[in-house]
Amino acid sequence: MTQTGQLSKTISHWLNNDFFAGVSNVTAPVANPATGDVTGRVVLGSAQDAHAVIDAAAAAFPEWRDASLAKRTQILFKFRDLLNQRKGELAEIITREHGKVVSDALGEVNRGQEVVEFACGIAHLLKGGFTENASTKVDVYSIRQPLGVVGIISPFNFPAMVPMWFFPIAIAAGNAVVLKPSEKNPSASLWLAELWKEAGLPAGVFNVLQGDKTVVDELLTNPKVASVSFVGSTPIAQYVYATGAAAGKRIQALGGAKNHALILPDADLDLAADAMVNAGFGSAGERCMAISVAVAVGPIADELVAKIAERAAAIKIGDGTKDSDMGPLVTKAHRDKVAAYIEAGETDGAKVVLDGRNVSADGGADGFWLGPTLFDNVTPHMSVYSDEIFGPVLSVVRVEAYDDALKLINSNPYGNGTAIFTNDGGAARRFQNEVTVGMVGINVPIPVPMAYYSFGGWKASLFGDSHAHGMDGVQFFTRQKTVTQRWLDPSHGGINLGFPQNG
C-alpha cells in the first residue's frame, strides 16, 4: 500500500485502478487536527476531471454488470479479508486527518466492515421470484439488475464507514462507483481504492473523485450517473435531493440531526449519565447519531446533571494517537464555530456547567481543541437547542412529565435518532410507538442498526424514500425487471388486437 506516502503529497483522484492527477490545479489544505500542521493538499477537481472519472466508470459498467455473481462475491470476500487484516492502517489514516482517537476510528472501520460482510451474501439478496404457468403455458418471473454508474458523496465525520454503507452493496449488485469524499479528510478513500485493486476489482468499477461543489454538481446532473447517495447537513441534503431528482436520478440524501435522549425518573442514572457522556462527547460530538439533548423528566435533573458533569470533567483530551479519550475537532473553522455556540448559549441564559473552551489538551499547541461542554436549563428558543452544532456540546432540558418530553422531541424538525432510558417496559414500548424518529434506542444511546437493517431518519433528516444499507440498500442499487415468457406454440398464433388476458 502506498497511501501513507500519499498523505504528505498532493492527494489526487483515483481512476481505472490508478492515481489520476486531472487537469485542475486548484487544491485545498488537509491538516492534522491534533497539531494544526498541513499534511497534504487535495485536488479540487474540475468539471472536466469529473467527466473523466464518470466516463471511466460508465465504460467499466457493462463488463462488471455481466460478471457472474460468483466472481463478484469472490472479490467481495477478498476485499473483506484484506480489510480485516489491515484495518489498523486505515484507522491511523482516519485519526491523522479527522482527529478522532484511534480506537474510535477502528470502531468506525469495523462497523463499515459489517456492510461488506452483508454484501458478501448478495447472491441470496438478489434472488427474484418465479411463477410457472401464470397463464396457459406462460411463465412470469422477476429479476433485479444494477443501475449503472452510482455516485456517493461522503461527509468528513466518517470517512470510511459512511462510504462503506453504500459501495459494498452497490459493487456487489453490479454497479460502478464514483466516490466523492470530504475534502477535509480524503485519504481514506484512496486507501480503500487501493485495497479494491488488490482484491481484484476490475479497473473503473471503483473510482474516487476529489473536489467541492463543482464535482458534486456534475455527479448530480451528468446523464451517465444513475443515482447519488449522500450524507451530510440538511441544507445540502435538500439541495442534493432537489437537484438530482430534477435530473431524473435516484437519490438517497441523509441530512442533519438533533438527537434527544429521554431520561425517566425510574432510570438507572449512573447508566444514563455514562450513556450521555459516551454519546454526547465521543468523536468530539462529530457524529450524526450523537446525543446533543438530554431531556430530564421530573425530579432527577439535578442528580443527572451532577453525574454527567463529574464524568465529563474526567475525559482526557488529546492527540488521537496517544492515550486520549477524545480528540480535537476536524478544522479550526469548525472549532471556532462550535465555540461561538457555547458563547451564544451562555448569552441566552443557559447555565454553563462545564465549559469546553477552557481545555488543556495533550497535543499540539495549534491543534483544534475544544473540551466537553455541558449546559443546564436549556430552552427550545436557544440556538444551542435548535441548531445542529456537531461538536462536544450537551444540553439538558428539564420537563415535568413524559408527555412534555415526547412533545418536545416530536416537535423538533429533525428525526434521525433518539433514545429512552427507563426500567419501565410499558413506557419504552409506548415511546418507540409514539416518537416520530427513524432510529430508536431503549437504554441504548446510539441506536445505529446492524448492516442487515437500514439506517435512516425521518423528517428533515432524510430526503428520498430509501435508507442506507440493509435491504433498502439492495433495492436502491438495483431495478426490478419482470419478464413474461411463452415459448412458441402454434395454438397461440393468429391476430388478436384485444388487451392480453390471463386464462
Protein backbone atom coordinates (compact mmCIF):
# COMPACT_ATOMS: atom_id res chain seq x y z
CA MET A 1 0.00 0.00 0.00
CA THR A 2 1.36 3.46 -0.91
CA GLN A 3 -1.26 5.57 0.84
CA THR A 4 0.96 6.63 3.75
CA GLY A 5 3.33 8.36 1.37
CA GLN A 6 0.39 9.97 -0.37
CA LEU A 7 -0.53 11.87 2.81
CA SER A 8 2.36 14.34 2.53
CA LYS A 9 1.84 14.94 -1.19
CA THR A 10 -0.90 16.12 -3.47
CA ILE A 11 -3.95 13.96 -2.85
CA SER A 12 -5.41 13.10 -6.21
CA HIS A 13 -8.31 11.26 -7.80
CA TRP A 14 -8.48 7.51 -8.49
CA LEU A 15 -9.44 6.34 -11.96
CA ASN A 16 -9.10 2.93 -13.62
CA ASN A 17 -7.21 1.48 -10.64
CA ASP A 18 -4.56 4.19 -10.55
CA PHE A 19 -3.97 7.69 -9.25
CA PHE A 20 -5.26 10.38 -11.60
CA ALA A 21 -3.99 13.97 -11.39
CA GLY A 22 -6.68 15.52 -13.58
CA VAL A 23 -6.39 18.96 -15.15
CA SER A 24 -7.37 21.16 -12.21
CA ASN A 25 -4.53 22.95 -10.44
CA VAL A 26 -6.77 24.12 -7.58
CA THR A 27 -6.05 22.45 -4.24
CA ALA A 28 -7.15 22.73 -0.62
CA PRO A 29 -5.09 22.04 2.51
CA VAL A 30 -5.56 18.87 4.55
CA ALA A 31 -4.43 19.25 8.16
CA ASN A 32 -3.74 17.07 11.16
CA PRO A 33 -6.29 18.43 13.66
CA ALA A 34 -4.13 17.48 16.64
CA THR A 35 -1.24 19.69 15.52
CA GLY A 36 -2.69 22.12 13.01
CA ASP A 37 0.04 21.09 10.54
CA VAL A 38 -0.87 20.81 6.87
CA THR A 39 -0.07 17.23 5.84
CA GLY A 40 -1.20 17.34 2.23
CA ARG A 41 -3.14 19.20 -0.40
CA VAL A 42 -6.19 17.67 -2.03
CA VAL A 43 -7.01 18.39 -5.65
CA LEU A 44 -10.34 20.14 -6.15
CA GLY A 45 -11.46 18.60 -9.39
CA SER A 46 -12.89 20.48 -12.34
CA ALA A 47 -15.95 19.54 -14.36
CA GLN A 48 -13.53 18.07 -16.91
CA ASP A 49 -11.97 15.88 -14.22
CA ALA A 50 -15.42 14.75 -13.13
CA HIS A 51 -16.29 13.85 -16.72
CA ALA A 52 -13.15 11.72 -16.99
CA VAL A 53 -13.89 9.78 -13.79
CA ILE A 54 -17.58 9.30 -14.60
CA ASP A 55 -16.73 8.19 -18.16
CA ALA A 56 -14.31 5.60 -16.80
CA ALA A 57 -17.00 4.20 -14.53
CA ALA A 58 -19.51 4.15 -17.37
CA ALA A 59 -17.05 2.27 -19.58
CA ALA A 60 -16.38 -0.32 -16.88
CA PHE A 61 -20.02 -0.92 -16.01
CA PRO A 62 -21.14 -3.30 -18.79
CA GLU A 63 -18.44 -5.87 -18.13
CA TRP A 64 -18.94 -5.70 -14.35
CA ARG A 65 -22.72 -5.92 -14.74
CA ASP A 66 -22.27 -9.10 -16.74
CA ALA A 67 -19.76 -10.64 -14.33
CA SER A 68 -21.17 -13.66 -12.56
CA LEU A 69 -22.42 -13.39 -9.00
CA ALA A 70 -19.80 -15.97 -8.11
CA LYS A 71 -17.00 -13.73 -9.38
CA ARG A 72 -18.37 -10.62 -7.71
CA THR A 73 -18.75 -12.46 -4.41
CA GLN A 74 -15.20 -13.82 -4.56
CA ILE A 75 -13.85 -10.28 -4.92
CA LEU A 76 -16.06 -9.06 -2.07
CA PHE A 77 -14.71 -11.80 0.21
CA LYS A 78 -11.14 -10.95 -0.78
CA PHE A 79 -11.75 -7.26 -0.05
CA ARG A 80 -13.27 -8.20 3.30
CA ASP A 81 -10.25 -10.34 4.22
CA LEU A 82 -7.75 -7.63 3.24
CA LEU A 83 -9.70 -5.00 5.15
CA ASN A 84 -9.78 -7.20 8.23
CA GLN A 85 -6.03 -7.75 8.06
CA ARG A 86 -5.10 -4.09 7.55
CA LYS A 87 -7.86 -2.09 9.19
CA GLY A 88 -5.36 -0.69 11.68
CA GLU A 89 -3.68 1.17 8.80
CA LEU A 90 -6.96 2.72 7.79
CA ALA A 91 -7.78 3.71 11.38
CA GLU A 92 -4.46 5.57 11.66
CA ILE A 93 -5.14 7.47 8.43
CA ILE A 94 -8.56 8.49 9.72
CA THR A 95 -7.08 9.72 13.00
CA ARG A 96 -4.41 11.80 11.25
CA GLU A 97 -6.94 13.63 9.12
CA HIS A 98 -10.11 13.63 11.25
CA GLY A 99 -8.70 13.76 14.77
CA LYS A 100 -10.82 11.05 16.43
CA VAL A 101 -8.90 8.67 18.67
CA VAL A 102 -7.56 5.53 17.01
CA SER A 103 -9.88 3.20 18.92
CA ASP A 104 -12.86 5.21 17.70
CA ALA A 105 -11.51 5.16 14.13
CA LEU A 106 -11.09 1.40 14.36
CA GLY A 107 -14.66 1.09 15.58
CA GLU A 108 -15.78 3.06 12.52
CA VAL A 109 -13.94 0.67 10.22
CA ASN A 110 -15.42 -2.35 11.99
CA ARG A 111 -18.96 -1.04 11.56
CA GLY A 112 -18.28 -0.40 7.88
CA GLN A 113 -16.91 -3.91 7.52
CA GLU A 114 -20.28 -5.25 8.69
CA VAL A 115 -21.81 -3.89 5.47
CA VAL A 116 -19.06 -5.54 3.43
CA GLU A 117 -19.94 -8.82 5.10
CA PHE A 118 -23.64 -8.24 4.44
CA ALA A 119 -22.84 -7.61 0.76
CA CYS A 120 -20.93 -10.90 0.58
CA GLY A 121 -24.38 -12.53 0.64
CA ILE A 122 -25.50 -10.66 -2.47
CA ALA A 123 -26.34 -13.85 -4.38
CA HIS A 124 -29.13 -14.57 -1.91
CA LEU A 125 -30.21 -10.94 -1.67
CA LEU A 126 -30.70 -10.59 -5.43
CA LYS A 127 -32.93 -13.63 -5.85
CA GLY A 128 -36.12 -12.88 -7.75
CA GLY A 129 -39.44 -14.69 -7.92
CA PHE A 130 -40.80 -17.21 -10.47
CA THR A 131 -44.36 -18.27 -11.24
CA GLU A 132 -44.84 -21.20 -13.58
CA ASN A 133 -47.95 -21.33 -15.78
CA ALA A 134 -49.29 -17.97 -14.59
CA SER A 135 -51.43 -18.11 -17.71
CA THR A 136 -51.67 -21.10 -20.01
CA LYS A 137 -48.08 -22.09 -20.78
CA VAL A 138 -46.93 -18.61 -19.74
CA ASP A 139 -44.32 -18.14 -17.01
CA VAL A 140 -43.65 -14.87 -15.15
CA TYR A 141 -40.52 -14.05 -13.20
CA SER A 142 -38.73 -11.05 -11.70
CA ILE A 143 -35.04 -10.15 -11.68
CA ARG A 144 -33.06 -7.34 -10.09
CA GLN A 145 -30.43 -5.58 -12.21
CA PRO A 146 -27.84 -2.88 -11.37
CA LEU A 147 -28.43 0.80 -12.14
CA GLY A 148 -25.12 1.68 -13.80
CA VAL A 149 -22.83 4.43 -12.51
CA VAL A 150 -23.69 5.39 -8.92
CA GLY A 151 -22.33 8.41 -7.07
CA ILE A 152 -21.56 8.55 -3.34
CA ILE A 153 -20.97 11.89 -1.60
CA SER A 154 -19.48 11.28 1.84
CA PRO A 155 -19.09 13.56 4.92
CA PHE A 156 -15.96 14.24 6.94
CA ASN A 157 -17.10 12.65 10.18
CA PHE A 158 -16.93 9.04 8.99
CA PRO A 159 -14.53 8.92 6.04
CA ALA A 160 -14.57 5.10 5.94
CA MET A 161 -17.83 3.91 7.49
CA VAL A 162 -20.26 6.11 5.58
CA PRO A 163 -18.88 5.23 2.13
CA MET A 164 -18.98 1.59 3.23
CA TRP A 165 -22.69 1.97 3.97
CA PHE A 166 -23.11 2.22 0.21
CA PHE A 167 -20.32 0.97 -2.04
CA PRO A 168 -20.11 -2.70 -0.92
CA ILE A 169 -23.77 -3.26 -1.84
CA ALA A 170 -23.52 -1.14 -4.99
CA ILE A 171 -20.48 -3.05 -6.24
CA ALA A 172 -21.84 -6.45 -5.26
CA ALA A 173 -25.03 -5.69 -7.18
CA GLY A 174 -23.03 -4.94 -10.33
CA ASN A 175 -22.76 -1.14 -10.36
CA ALA A 176 -19.73 1.05 -10.97
CA VAL A 177 -18.99 3.57 -8.20
CA VAL A 178 -17.76 7.16 -8.12
CA LEU A 179 -16.97 8.18 -4.53
CA LYS A 180 -16.65 11.88 -3.70
CA PRO A 181 -15.11 12.05 -0.20
CA SER A 182 -14.93 15.12 2.00
CA GLU A 183 -12.07 17.42 1.07
CA LYS A 184 -11.28 17.71 4.81
CA ASN A 185 -10.05 14.09 5.06
CA PRO A 186 -9.80 12.49 1.60
CA SER A 187 -7.00 9.95 2.05
CA ALA A 188 -9.09 7.10 3.47
CA SER A 189 -10.92 6.88 0.15
CA LEU A 190 -7.70 6.30 -1.77
CA TRP A 191 -6.57 3.64 0.70
CA LEU A 192 -9.87 1.84 0.11
CA ALA A 193 -9.43 2.21 -3.65
CA GLU A 194 -6.01 0.55 -3.50
CA LEU A 195 -7.49 -2.25 -1.42
CA TRP A 196 -10.18 -2.88 -4.04
CA LYS A 197 -7.48 -3.09 -6.69
CA GLU A 198 -5.55 -5.62 -4.63
CA ALA A 199 -8.74 -7.63 -4.13
CA GLY A 200 -9.06 -7.98 -7.90
CA LEU A 201 -11.80 -5.47 -8.69
CA PRO A 202 -11.62 -4.58 -12.40
CA ALA A 203 -10.42 -1.11 -13.36
CA GLY A 204 -13.11 1.55 -13.41
CA VAL A 205 -15.55 -0.17 -11.06
CA PHE A 206 -14.44 1.85 -8.00
CA ASN A 207 -13.30 5.42 -8.60
CA VAL A 208 -12.57 8.42 -6.37
CA LEU A 209 -13.38 11.97 -7.42
CA GLN A 210 -11.88 14.67 -5.18
CA GLY A 211 -13.38 18.13 -5.04
CA ASP A 212 -16.06 20.51 -3.88
CA LYS A 213 -19.38 21.78 -5.26
CA THR A 214 -18.10 21.73 -8.85
CA VAL A 215 -17.76 17.95 -8.94
CA VAL A 216 -20.85 17.44 -6.76
CA ASP A 217 -22.95 19.31 -9.31
CA GLU A 218 -21.51 17.16 -12.09
CA LEU A 219 -22.49 13.99 -10.23
CA LEU A 220 -25.99 15.39 -9.73
CA THR A 221 -26.56 16.38 -13.35
CA ASN A 222 -24.38 14.14 -15.53
CA PRO A 223 -26.69 11.83 -17.52
CA LYS A 224 -24.29 8.91 -17.13
CA VAL A 225 -24.82 8.87 -13.34
CA ALA A 226 -27.93 6.87 -12.39
CA SER A 227 -28.08 7.54 -8.64
CA VAL A 228 -26.50 9.57 -5.87
CA SER A 229 -26.18 8.65 -2.19
CA PHE A 230 -25.40 11.50 0.20
CA VAL A 231 -24.79 12.01 3.92
CA GLY A 232 -24.32 15.49 5.37
CA SER A 233 -26.14 18.56 6.63
CA THR A 234 -29.84 19.08 5.98
CA PRO A 235 -29.45 22.15 3.70
CA ILE A 236 -27.04 20.27 1.43
CA ALA A 237 -29.17 17.12 1.57
CA GLN A 238 -32.12 19.19 0.36
CA TYR A 239 -30.00 20.58 -2.46
CA VAL A 240 -28.71 17.16 -3.45
CA TYR A 241 -32.22 15.70 -3.46
CA ALA A 242 -33.80 18.55 -5.41
CA THR A 243 -31.01 18.84 -7.98
CA GLY A 244 -30.51 15.13 -8.52
CA ALA A 245 -34.21 14.31 -8.66
CA ALA A 246 -34.78 17.12 -11.16
CA ALA A 247 -32.13 15.48 -13.32
CA GLY A 248 -34.03 12.17 -13.16
CA LYS A 249 -31.71 10.39 -10.75
CA ARG A 250 -32.47 8.05 -7.89
CA ILE A 251 -31.48 9.89 -4.69
CA GLN A 252 -30.98 8.94 -1.07
CA ALA A 253 -29.93 12.02 0.91
CA LEU A 254 -29.41 11.66 4.66
CA GLY A 255 -29.41 15.03 6.43
CA GLY A 256 -28.73 16.52 9.84
CA ALA A 257 -29.84 15.64 13.34
CA LYS A 258 -30.64 16.94 16.79
CA ASN A 259 -30.85 13.72 18.75
CA HIS A 260 -32.65 13.70 22.10
CA ALA A 261 -32.36 11.21 24.94
CA LEU A 262 -35.34 10.98 27.29
CA ILE A 263 -34.42 10.03 30.86
CA LEU A 264 -37.38 8.95 33.00
CA PRO A 265 -37.35 9.16 36.82
CA ASP A 266 -37.11 5.37 37.18
CA ALA A 267 -33.99 5.12 35.02
CA ASP A 268 -30.63 3.95 36.32
CA LEU A 269 -28.99 7.39 36.49
CA ASP A 270 -25.46 6.03 36.52
CA LEU A 271 -26.16 4.12 33.31
CA ALA A 272 -27.88 7.18 31.82
CA ALA A 273 -25.03 9.52 32.78
CA ASP A 274 -22.44 7.16 31.26
CA ALA A 275 -24.52 6.99 28.10
CA MET A 276 -24.89 10.78 27.83
CA VAL A 277 -21.14 11.26 28.13
CA ASN A 278 -20.32 8.50 25.65
CA ALA A 279 -22.93 9.55 23.10
CA GLY A 280 -22.52 13.28 23.57
CA PHE A 281 -18.73 13.58 23.56
CA GLY A 282 -17.49 10.55 21.64
CA SER A 283 -15.65 11.63 18.49
CA ALA A 284 -15.89 15.20 19.86
CA GLY A 285 -19.61 15.15 19.14
CA GLU A 286 -18.97 14.99 15.40
CA ARG A 287 -21.48 12.22 14.78
CA CYS A 288 -24.90 12.41 13.17
CA MET A 289 -26.07 9.98 15.87
CA ALA A 290 -24.57 11.91 18.80
CA ILE A 291 -26.90 12.75 21.66
CA SER A 292 -26.97 16.55 21.91
CA VAL A 293 -30.04 16.99 24.12
CA ALA A 294 -30.74 15.14 27.37
CA VAL A 295 -34.38 15.55 28.42
CA ALA A 296 -34.65 15.06 32.19
CA VAL A 297 -38.17 14.21 33.37
CA GLY A 298 -39.35 15.16 36.84
CA PRO A 299 -37.13 15.48 39.91
CA ILE A 300 -34.00 13.73 38.61
CA ALA A 301 -32.39 16.65 36.75
CA ASP A 302 -30.06 17.92 39.49
CA GLU A 303 -28.63 14.46 40.18
CA LEU A 304 -28.35 13.61 36.48
CA VAL A 305 -26.53 16.85 35.66
CA ALA A 306 -24.10 16.30 38.53
CA LYS A 307 -23.32 12.77 37.40
CA ILE A 308 -22.78 13.85 33.78
CA ALA A 309 -20.55 16.75 34.84
CA GLU A 310 -18.41 14.52 37.08
CA ARG A 311 -17.81 12.04 34.28
CA ALA A 312 -17.28 14.61 31.53
CA ALA A 313 -14.73 16.54 33.57
CA ALA A 314 -12.57 13.41 33.73
CA ILE A 315 -12.35 12.96 29.96
CA LYS A 316 -8.77 13.10 28.68
CA ILE A 317 -8.47 15.41 25.67
CA GLY A 318 -5.53 14.98 23.35
CA ASP A 319 -3.91 13.64 20.21
CA GLY A 320 -5.87 10.62 18.99
CA THR A 321 -2.70 8.59 18.62
CA LYS A 322 -1.97 8.95 22.34
CA ASP A 323 -3.79 7.72 25.44
CA SER A 324 -6.71 10.08 24.95
CA ASP A 325 -10.47 9.70 25.28
CA MET A 326 -11.42 12.49 22.90
CA GLY A 327 -9.52 14.19 20.12
CA PRO A 328 -9.74 17.64 18.50
CA LEU A 329 -12.37 18.95 16.12
CA VAL A 330 -11.78 18.47 12.41
CA THR A 331 -10.80 22.05 11.44
CA LYS A 332 -10.03 25.34 13.16
CA ALA A 333 -13.03 26.95 11.47
CA HIS A 334 -15.35 24.29 12.85
CA ARG A 335 -13.77 24.54 16.29
CA ASP A 336 -14.39 28.27 16.31
CA LYS A 337 -17.99 27.81 15.12
CA VAL A 338 -18.75 25.40 17.97
CA ALA A 339 -17.10 27.77 20.48
CA ALA A 340 -19.38 30.54 19.20
CA TYR A 341 -22.40 28.38 20.03
CA ILE A 342 -21.12 27.99 23.58
CA GLU A 343 -20.88 31.77 23.88
CA ALA A 344 -24.41 32.12 22.44
CA GLY A 345 -25.82 29.60 24.89
CA GLU A 346 -24.28 31.47 27.80
CA THR A 347 -25.63 34.78 26.47
CA ASP A 348 -29.11 33.28 26.04
CA GLY A 349 -29.23 32.32 29.72
CA ALA A 350 -28.35 28.64 29.77
CA LYS A 351 -26.26 27.56 32.75
CA VAL A 352 -22.71 26.58 31.76
CA VAL A 353 -21.95 23.59 33.98
CA LEU A 354 -18.78 22.58 32.12
CA ASP A 355 -17.00 24.92 29.68
CA GLY A 356 -15.01 23.22 26.92
CA ARG A 357 -13.33 26.45 25.90
CA ASN A 358 -11.06 26.12 28.92
CA VAL A 359 -9.41 22.89 27.90
CA SER A 360 -5.86 21.67 28.46
CA ALA A 361 -5.13 19.12 25.75
CA ASP A 362 -2.32 16.61 25.36
CA GLY A 363 -1.44 17.67 21.84
CA GLY A 364 -0.05 20.40 19.65
CA ALA A 365 -0.44 23.99 20.71
CA ASP A 366 -2.08 24.77 17.37
CA GLY A 367 -4.48 21.81 17.47
CA PHE A 368 -8.19 22.39 17.08
CA TRP A 369 -9.09 21.75 20.70
CA LEU A 370 -12.43 22.10 22.44
CA GLY A 371 -13.42 20.13 25.50
CA PRO A 372 -16.77 18.69 26.60
CA THR A 373 -19.34 21.38 27.31
CA LEU A 374 -22.45 20.82 29.42
CA PHE A 375 -25.40 23.22 29.54
CA ASP A 376 -28.29 23.05 32.00
CA ASN A 377 -31.66 24.83 31.96
CA VAL A 378 -31.70 24.98 28.16
CA THR A 379 -34.94 26.02 26.47
CA PRO A 380 -36.09 25.42 22.89
CA HIS A 381 -35.66 29.06 21.78
CA MET A 382 -31.88 28.93 22.35
CA SER A 383 -29.58 28.27 19.40
CA VAL A 384 -27.71 25.59 21.37
CA TYR A 385 -31.00 23.68 21.32
CA SER A 386 -32.37 24.48 17.87
CA ASP A 387 -29.22 24.17 15.75
CA GLU A 388 -27.16 21.12 14.85
CA ILE A 389 -23.87 22.12 16.49
CA PHE A 390 -21.88 19.00 15.58
CA GLY A 391 -19.46 19.35 18.45
CA PRO A 392 -18.94 18.27 22.09
CA VAL A 393 -21.89 20.27 23.46
CA LEU A 394 -24.63 18.56 25.50
CA SER A 395 -27.75 20.47 26.53
CA VAL A 396 -30.02 19.40 29.40
CA VAL A 397 -33.68 20.35 29.07
CA ARG A 398 -35.92 19.90 32.12
CA VAL A 399 -39.57 18.85 31.73
CA GLU A 400 -42.26 17.80 34.19
CA ALA A 401 -43.67 14.68 32.57
CA TYR A 402 -43.27 12.07 29.81
CA ASP A 403 -45.88 13.79 27.61
CA ASP A 404 -43.91 17.04 27.74
CA ALA A 405 -40.74 15.21 26.68
CA LEU A 406 -42.49 13.41 23.83
CA LYS A 407 -44.00 16.65 22.55
CA LEU A 408 -40.59 18.32 22.65
CA ILE A 409 -38.93 15.53 20.65
CA ASN A 410 -41.73 15.21 18.12
CA SER A 411 -41.85 18.98 17.58
CA ASN A 412 -38.20 19.04 16.53
CA PRO A 413 -37.72 19.32 12.75
CA TYR A 414 -35.11 16.57 12.80
CA GLY A 415 -35.90 12.90 13.25
CA ASN A 416 -32.65 10.96 12.95
CA GLY A 417 -32.08 9.12 16.24
CA THR A 418 -33.40 9.14 19.78
CA ALA A 419 -33.19 7.10 22.98
CA ILE A 420 -35.15 6.49 26.15
CA PHE A 421 -33.67 5.45 29.49
CA THR A 422 -36.10 3.65 31.76
CA ASN A 423 -36.77 0.40 33.60
CA ASP A 424 -40.45 0.55 32.63
CA GLY A 425 -41.14 -1.71 29.67
CA GLY A 426 -44.56 -0.16 29.10
CA ALA A 427 -43.10 3.33 28.88
CA ALA A 428 -40.40 2.14 26.49
CA ARG A 429 -42.92 0.42 24.24
CA ARG A 430 -45.14 3.49 24.22
CA PHE A 431 -42.15 5.70 23.33
CA GLN A 432 -40.99 3.54 20.43
CA ASN A 433 -44.52 3.63 19.05
CA GLU A 434 -45.24 7.34 19.51
CA VAL A 435 -41.92 9.04 18.75
CA THR A 436 -41.54 10.42 15.19
CA VAL A 437 -37.89 9.48 14.76
CA GLY A 438 -36.35 6.93 12.41
CA MET A 439 -34.00 5.11 14.82
CA VAL A 440 -34.87 4.48 18.45
CA GLY A 441 -32.72 3.18 21.30
CA ILE A 442 -34.11 1.72 24.51
CA ASN A 443 -31.36 2.09 27.11
CA VAL A 444 -29.05 2.30 24.06
CA PRO A 445 -27.81 5.85 23.40
CA ILE A 446 -26.57 5.43 19.82
CA PRO A 447 -29.01 3.08 18.06
CA VAL A 448 -27.04 2.55 14.84
CA PRO A 449 -28.59 -0.56 13.27
CA MET A 450 -26.71 -3.63 12.16
CA ALA A 451 -25.92 -3.86 8.45
CA TYR A 452 -28.90 -6.13 7.74
CA TYR A 453 -31.27 -3.40 8.98
CA SER A 454 -31.47 0.02 7.38
CA PHE A 455 -30.00 3.29 8.65
CA GLY A 456 -32.00 6.48 8.20
CA GLY A 457 -34.07 9.13 9.86
CA TRP A 458 -37.40 10.87 9.36
CA LYS A 459 -38.48 14.45 8.70
CA ALA A 460 -35.59 16.83 7.90
CA SER A 461 -33.07 14.04 8.47
CA LEU A 462 -33.89 12.19 5.23
CA PHE A 463 -34.74 13.24 1.68
CA GLY A 464 -35.83 10.44 -0.60
CA ASP A 465 -37.53 7.18 0.22
CA SER A 466 -34.54 4.92 0.78
CA HIS A 467 -32.45 4.45 3.91
CA ALA A 468 -28.85 3.23 3.85
CA HIS A 469 -27.71 -0.41 3.73
CA GLY A 470 -29.84 -3.43 4.62
CA MET A 471 -32.47 -4.43 2.08
CA ASP A 472 -33.13 -0.73 1.44
CA GLY A 473 -29.61 -0.58 0.03
CA VAL A 474 -30.10 -3.65 -2.16
CA GLN A 475 -33.32 -2.23 -3.57
CA PHE A 476 -31.82 1.24 -4.05
CA PHE A 477 -28.86 -0.01 -6.09
CA THR A 478 -30.95 -2.32 -8.31
CA ARG A 479 -34.00 -2.05 -10.53
CA GLN A 480 -36.64 -4.72 -10.77
CA LYS A 481 -37.49 -6.18 -14.15
CA THR A 482 -40.45 -8.51 -14.69
CA VAL A 483 -40.33 -11.00 -17.57
CA THR A 484 -43.36 -12.74 -19.04
CA GLN A 485 -42.39 -15.63 -21.32
CA ARG A 486 -44.05 -18.19 -23.54
CA TRP A 487 -42.14 -20.45 -25.87
CA LEU A 488 -43.53 -20.86 -29.39
CA ASP A 489 -46.78 -22.80 -29.53
CA PRO A 490 -48.85 -22.90 -32.75
CA SER A 491 -52.10 -22.92 -30.78
CA HIS A 492 -51.39 -19.35 -29.66
CA GLY A 493 -50.88 -17.92 -33.13
CA GLY A 494 -53.20 -15.64 -35.09
CA ILE A 495 -54.23 -12.00 -34.92
CA ASN A 496 -55.91 -10.66 -31.78
CA LEU A 497 -55.82 -6.90 -31.10
CA GLY A 498 -57.54 -7.16 -27.70
CA PHE A 499 -55.70 -6.43 -24.48
CA PRO A 500 -53.85 -9.56 -23.25
CA GLN A 501 -55.85 -11.55 -20.72
CA ASN A 502 -54.86 -14.43 -18.49
CA GLY A 503 -56.58 -17.72 -18.87
